[in-house]
Amino acid sequence: MQLAEFHYQVLNYLDKKPYTPGTYLEKVFPNKKERIEQTLKLLTDQKLIFYTVATDYLTYVEHEDLEVPQIQKLGFCIDWRFCLTELGHVCLESHEKEIGEYAIQKQELKLAQDTSKSAKVDAFYSKIISGIAILISFIALIHDLFF
């Protein structure tokens, strides 16, 4: 599924602070305030997060049977509290793994570029030294022939 970096930031925040109200997220991301509601709707539609009135896991589990049908009838509201689903956790962990792999590949590329530059410098100096060696051999040959 295709998500923007901002979506992953919201997922990451909800992973660290579950049962956060949507209105609070507007304060956490003040530069993206106009995007929060649409982001939460998208993530809810994708089943990456769910909304509840519970403030913690125990309360949610205790009243889940009563709450879920009622809150689904009411529908989405920015005032609800949001929490990651298992699919949301999987998506977030997959993204973090991809970011880690990308960082490793970036380091490997930089190392290869540095090695390539070093090899080019080594080759340049090797050519200079071999040229000097040929010149010295040529001078020694001329010296032996004429002196």
Foldseek 3Di string as FASTA:
>chain_A
DDDDPVLLVVLVVCAVQFQAFLVVVCVVCVVCNVPSLVSVVVCVVVLQKDWWQDRDDVVCVVCVVPTVVVDVVVPDDSGTTMHGDVVNVVVSVVVVVVVVVVVVVVVVVVVVVVVVVVVVVVVVVVVVVVVVVVVVVVVVVVVVVPD
